Amino acid sequence: VQLVESGGGSVQAGGSLRLSCAASG
């Protein structure tokens, strides 16, 4: 199985982010 994360970054306190992990194999 291969896993690739995305969606990270810099954000101000109180903000939001959505991380994704794409699985293959």
PDB file of all heavy atoms in Angstrom:
ATOM      1  N   VAL A   1       0.844  -1.183   0.000  1.00  0.00           N
ATOM      2  CA  VAL A   1       0.000   0.000   0.000  1.00  0.00           C
ATOM      3  C   VAL A   1       0.887   1.242   0.000  1.00  0.00           C
ATOM      4  O   VAL A   1       1.859   1.325   0.752  1.00  0.00           O
ATOM      5  CB  VAL A   1      -0.926   0.021   1.224  1.00  0.00           C
ATOM      6  CG1 VAL A   1      -1.759   1.310   1.244  1.00  0.00           C
ATOM      7  CG2 VAL A   1      -1.843  -1.198   1.218  1.00  0.00           C
ATOM      8  N   GLN A   2       0.538   2.196  -0.836  1.00  0.00           N
ATOM      9  CA  GLN A   2       1.232   3.470  -0.861  1.00  0.00           C
ATOM     10  C   GLN A   2       0.292   4.556  -0.344  1.00  0.00           C
ATOM     11  O   GLN A   2      -0.879   4.595  -0.714  1.00  0.00           O
ATOM     12  CB  GLN A   2       1.700   3.828  -2.273  1.00  0.00           C
ATOM     13  CG  GLN A   2       2.749   2.890  -2.849  1.00  0.00           C
ATOM     14  CD  GLN A   2       2.126   1.650  -3.459  1.00  0.00           C
ATOM     15  OE1 GLN A   2       1.122   1.721  -4.153  1.00  0.00           O
ATOM     16  NE2 GLN A   2       2.735   0.501  -3.193  1.00  0.00           N
ATOM     17  N   LEU A   3       0.815   5.424   0.500  1.00  0.00           N
ATOM     18  CA  LEU A   3       0.029   6.483   1.100  1.00  0.00           C
ATOM     19  C   LEU A   3       0.694   7.828   0.824  1.00  0.00           C
ATOM     20  O   LEU A   3       1.896   7.974   1.023  1.00  0.00           O
ATOM     21  CB  LEU A   3      -0.102   6.280   2.611  1.00  0.00           C
ATOM     22  CG  LEU A   3      -0.677   4.942   3.079  1.00  0.00           C
ATOM     23  CD1 LEU A   3      -0.576   4.831   4.599  1.00  0.00           C
ATOM     24  CD2 LEU A   3      -2.132   4.804   2.638  1.00  0.00           C
ATOM     25  N   VAL A   4      -0.092   8.788   0.381  1.00  0.00           N
ATOM     26  CA  VAL A   4       0.413  10.126   0.094  1.00  0.00           C
ATOM     27  C   VAL A   4      -0.484  11.152   0.754  1.00  0.00           C
ATOM     28  O   VAL A   4      -1.666  11.253   0.426  1.00  0.00           O
ATOM     29  CB  VAL A   4       0.490  10.391  -1.422  1.00  0.00           C
ATOM     30  CG1 VAL A   4       1.024  11.796  -1.675  1.00  0.00           C
ATOM     31  CG2 VAL A   4       1.378   9.356  -2.106  1.00  0.00           C
ATOM     32  N   GLU A   5       0.096  11.926   1.677  1.00  0.00           N
ATOM     33  CA  GLU A   5      -0.658  12.958   2.372  1.00  0.00           C
ATOM     34  C   GLU A   5      -0.585  14.279   1.613  1.00  0.00           C
ATOM     35  O   GLU A   5       0.387  14.550   0.902  1.00  0.00           O
ATOM     36  CB  GLU A   5      -0.120  13.178   3.791  1.00  0.00           C
ATOM     37  CG  GLU A   5      -0.107  11.943   4.661  1.00  0.00           C
ATOM     38  CD  GLU A   5       1.249  11.268   4.696  1.00  0.00           C
ATOM     39  OE1 GLU A   5       2.004  11.397   3.713  1.00  0.00           O
ATOM     40  OE2 GLU A   5       1.558  10.618   5.715  1.00  0.00           O
ATOM     41  N   SER A   6      -1.598  15.094   1.802  1.00  0.00           N
ATOM     42  CA  SER A   6      -1.619  16.432   1.241  1.00  0.00           C
ATOM     43  C   SER A   6      -2.548  17.302   2.072  1.00  0.00           C
ATOM     44  O   SER A   6      -3.316  16.797   2.885  1.00  0.00           O
ATOM     45  CB  SER A   6      -2.068  16.420  -0.225  1.00  0.00           C
ATOM     46  OG  SER A   6      -3.391  15.931  -0.348  1.00  0.00           O
ATOM     47  N   GLY A   7      -2.480  18.598   1.865  1.00  0.00           N
ATOM     48  CA  GLY A   7      -3.381  19.513   2.537  1.00  0.00           C
ATOM     49  C   GLY A   7      -2.773  20.290   3.683  1.00  0.00           C
ATOM     50  O   GLY A   7      -3.431  21.171   4.249  1.00  0.00           O
ATOM     51  N   GLY A   8      -1.542  19.986   4.043  1.00  0.00           N
ATOM     52  CA  GLY A   8      -0.899  20.716   5.116  1.00  0.00           C
ATOM     53  C   GLY A   8      -0.526  22.119   4.686  1.00  0.00           C
ATOM     54  O   GLY A   8      -0.591  22.474   3.512  1.00  0.00           O
ATOM     55  N   GLY A   9      -0.134  22.924   5.647  1.00  0.00           N
ATOM     56  CA  GLY A   9       0.256  24.292   5.371  1.00  0.00           C
ATOM     57  C   GLY A   9       0.298  25.115   6.625  1.00  0.00           C
ATOM     58  O   GLY A   9       0.246  24.589   7.737  1.00  0.00           O
ATOM     59  N   SER A  10       0.385  26.413   6.445  1.00  0.00           N
ATOM     60  CA  SER A  10       0.418  27.358   7.565  1.00  0.00           C
ATOM     61  C   SER A  10      -0.937  28.029   7.704  1.00  0.00           C
ATOM     62  O   SER A  10      -1.544  28.437   6.711  1.00  0.00           O
ATOM     63  CB  SER A  10       1.508  28.407   7.342  1.00  0.00           C
ATOM     64  OG  SER A  10       2.785  27.813   7.285  1.00  0.00           O
ATOM     65  N   VAL A  11      -1.389  28.140   8.937  1.00  0.00           N
ATOM     66  CA  VAL A  11      -2.697  28.724   9.193  1.00  0.00           C
ATOM     67  C   VAL A  11      -2.669  29.480  10.514  1.00  0.00           C
ATOM     68  O   VAL A  11      -1.887  29.149  11.410  1.00  0.00           O
ATOM     69  CB  VAL A  11      -3.787  27.625   9.207  1.00  0.00           C
ATOM     70  CG1 VAL A  11      -3.577  26.672  10.381  1.00  0.00           C
ATOM     71  CG2 VAL A  11      -5.182  28.227   9.243  1.00  0.00           C
ATOM     72  N   GLN A  12      -3.505  30.483  10.621  1.00  0.00           N
ATOM     73  CA  GLN A  12      -3.634  31.237  11.862  1.00  0.00           C
ATOM     74  C   GLN A  12      -4.423  30.437  12.889  1.00  0.00           C
ATOM     75  O   GLN A  12      -5.255  29.599  12.540  1.00  0.00           O
ATOM     76  CB  GLN A  12      -4.347  32.566  11.609  1.00  0.00           C
ATOM     77  CG  GLN A  12      -3.620  33.518  10.681  1.00  0.00           C
ATOM     78  CD  GLN A  12      -2.499  34.246  11.377  1.00  0.00           C
ATOM     79  OE1 GLN A  12      -2.631  34.671  12.526  1.00  0.00           O
ATOM     80  NE2 GLN A  12      -1.375  34.401  10.688  1.00  0.00           N
ATOM     81  N   ALA A  13      -4.153  30.674  14.157  1.00  0.00           N
ATOM     82  CA  ALA A  13      -4.913  30.027  15.213  1.00  0.00           C
ATOM     83  C   ALA A  13      -6.400  30.287  15.026  1.00  0.00           C
ATOM     84  O   ALA A  13      -6.814  31.407  14.728  1.00  0.00           O
ATOM     85  CB  ALA A  13      -4.456  30.531  16.575  1.00  0.00           C
ATOM     86  N   GLY A  14      -7.190  29.241  15.197  1.00  0.00           N
ATOM     87  CA  GLY A  14      -8.617  29.339  14.990  1.00  0.00           C
ATOM     88  C   GLY A  14      -9.061  28.961  13.595  1.00  0.00           C
ATOM     89  O   GLY A  14     -10.263  28.799  13.344  1.00  0.00           O
ATOM     90  N   GLY A  15      -8.109  28.796  12.699  1.00  0.00           N
ATOM     91  CA  GLY A  15      -8.414  28.441  11.328  1.00  0.00           C
ATOM     92  C   GLY A  15      -8.632  26.953  11.144  1.00  0.00           C
ATOM     93  O   GLY A  15      -8.612  26.179  12.098  1.00  0.00           O
ATOM     94  N   SER A  16      -8.814  26.558   9.896  1.00  0.00           N
ATOM     95  CA  SER A  16      -9.104  25.170   9.571  1.00  0.00           C
ATOM     96  C   SER A  16      -8.237  24.664   8.429  1.00  0.00           C
ATOM     97  O   SER A  16      -7.798  25.437   7.576  1.00  0.00           O
ATOM     98  CB  SER A  16     -10.578  25.003   9.171  1.00  0.00           C
ATOM     99  OG  SER A  16     -11.451  25.374  10.219  1.00  0.00           O
ATOM    100  N   LEU A  17      -8.005  23.374   8.431  1.00  0.00           N
ATOM    101  CA  LEU A  17      -7.316  22.687   7.353  1.00  0.00           C
ATOM    102  C   LEU A  17      -7.946  21.319   7.180  1.00  0.00           C
ATOM    103  O   LEU A  17      -8.454  20.744   8.138  1.00  0.00           O
ATOM    104  CB  LEU A  17      -5.827  22.512   7.647  1.00  0.00           C
ATOM    105  CG  LEU A  17      -4.900  23.719   7.542  1.00  0.00           C
ATOM    106  CD1 LEU A  17      -3.514  23.348   8.060  1.00  0.00           C
ATOM    107  CD2 LEU A  17      -4.816  24.209   6.102  1.00  0.00           C
ATOM    108  N   ARG A  18      -7.909  20.802   5.973  1.00  0.00           N
ATOM    109  CA  ARG A  18      -8.350  19.444   5.729  1.00  0.00           C
ATOM    110  C   ARG A  18      -7.215  18.662   5.096  1.00  0.00           C
ATOM    111  O   ARG A  18      -6.772  18.976   3.992  1.00  0.00           O
ATOM    112  CB  ARG A  18      -9.579  19.386   4.817  1.00  0.00           C
ATOM    113  CG  ARG A  18     -10.164  17.966   4.722  1.00  0.00           C
ATOM    114  CD  ARG A  18     -11.406  17.876   3.875  1.00  0.00           C
ATOM    115  NE  ARG A  18     -11.107  17.960   2.454  1.00  0.00           N
ATOM    116  CZ  ARG A  18     -11.925  17.540   1.493  1.00  0.00           C
ATOM    117  NH1 ARG A  18     -13.105  17.009   1.813  1.00  0.00           N
ATOM    118  NH2 ARG A  18     -11.583  17.680   0.224  1.00  0.00           N
ATOM    119  N   LEU A  19      -6.754  17.651   5.793  1.00  0.00           N
ATOM    120  CA  LEU A  19      -5.703  16.795   5.291  1.00  0.00           C
ATOM    121  C   LEU A  19      -6.305  15.630   4.525  1.00  0.00           C
ATOM    122  O   LEU A  19      -7.359  15.111   4.892  1.00  0.00           O
ATOM    123  CB  LEU A  19      -4.840  16.256   6.433  1.00  0.00           C
ATOM    124  CG  LEU A  19      -4.220  17.281   7.383  1.00  0.00           C
ATOM    125  CD1 LEU A  19      -3.332  16.575   8.397  1.00  0.00           C
ATOM    126  CD2 LEU A  19      -3.442  18.331   6.610  1.00  0.00           C
ATOM    127  N   SER A  20      -5.622  15.221   3.475  1.00  0.00           N
ATOM    128  CA  SER A  20      -6.059  14.083   2.682  1.00  0.00           C
ATOM    129  C   SER A  20      -4.947  13.047   2.622  1.00  0.00           C
ATOM    130  O   SER A  20      -3.769  13.396   2.622  1.00  0.00           O
ATOM    131  CB  SER A  20      -6.428  14.519   1.257  1.00  0.00           C
ATOM    132  OG  SER A  20      -7.503  15.434   1.264  1.00  0.00           O
ATOM    133  N   CYS A  21      -5.329  11.800   2.559  1.00  0.00           N
ATOM    134  CA  CYS A  21      -4.385  10.702   2.423  1.00  0.00           C
ATOM    135  C   CYS A  21      -4.886   9.794   1.325  1.00  0.00           C
ATOM    136  O   CYS A  21      -5.893   9.096   1.497  1.00  0.00           O
ATOM    137  CB  CYS A  21      -4.256   9.939   3.745  1.00  0.00           C
ATOM    138  SG  CYS A  21      -3.253   8.439   3.646  1.00  0.00           S
ATOM    139  N   ALA A  22      -4.212   9.819   0.197  1.00  0.00           N
ATOM    140  CA  ALA A  22      -4.591   8.997  -0.937  1.00  0.00           C
ATOM    141  C   ALA A  22      -3.887   7.650  -0.855  1.00  0.00           C
ATOM    142  O   ALA A  22      -2.662   7.590  -0.766  1.00  0.00           O
ATOM    143  CB  ALA A  22      -4.236   9.701  -2.243  1.00  0.00           C
ATOM    144  N   ALA A  23      -4.665   6.586  -0.874  1.00  0.00           N
ATOM    145  CA  ALA A  23      -4.128   5.238  -0.793  1.00  0.00           C
ATOM    146  C   ALA A  23      -4.183   4.561  -2.154  1.00  0.00           C
ATOM    147  O   ALA A  23      -5.162   4.685  -2.885  1.00  0.00           O
ATOM    148  CB  ALA A  23      -4.905   4.408   0.227  1.00  0.00           C
ATOM    149  N   SER A  24      -3.129   3.846  -2.470  1.00  0.00           N
ATOM    150  CA  SER A  24      -3.081   3.106  -3.720  1.00  0.00           C
ATOM    151  C   SER A  24      -2.404   1.758  -3.483  1.00  0.00           C
ATOM    152  O   SER A  24      -1.840   1.512  -2.420  1.00  0.00           O
ATOM    153  CB  SER A  24      -2.339   3.894  -4.802  1.00  0.00           C
ATOM    154  OG  SER A  24      -1.001   4.153  -4.420  1.00  0.00           O
ATOM    155  N   GLY A  25      -2.463   0.903  -4.474  1.00  0.00           N
ATOM    156  CA  GLY A  25      -1.907  -0.423  -4.331  1.00  0.00           C
ATOM    157  C   GLY A  25      -2.978  -1.398  -3.876  1.00  0.00           C
ATOM    158  O   GLY A  25      -4.167  -1.182  -4.092  1.00  0.00           O
TER     159      GLY A  25
END
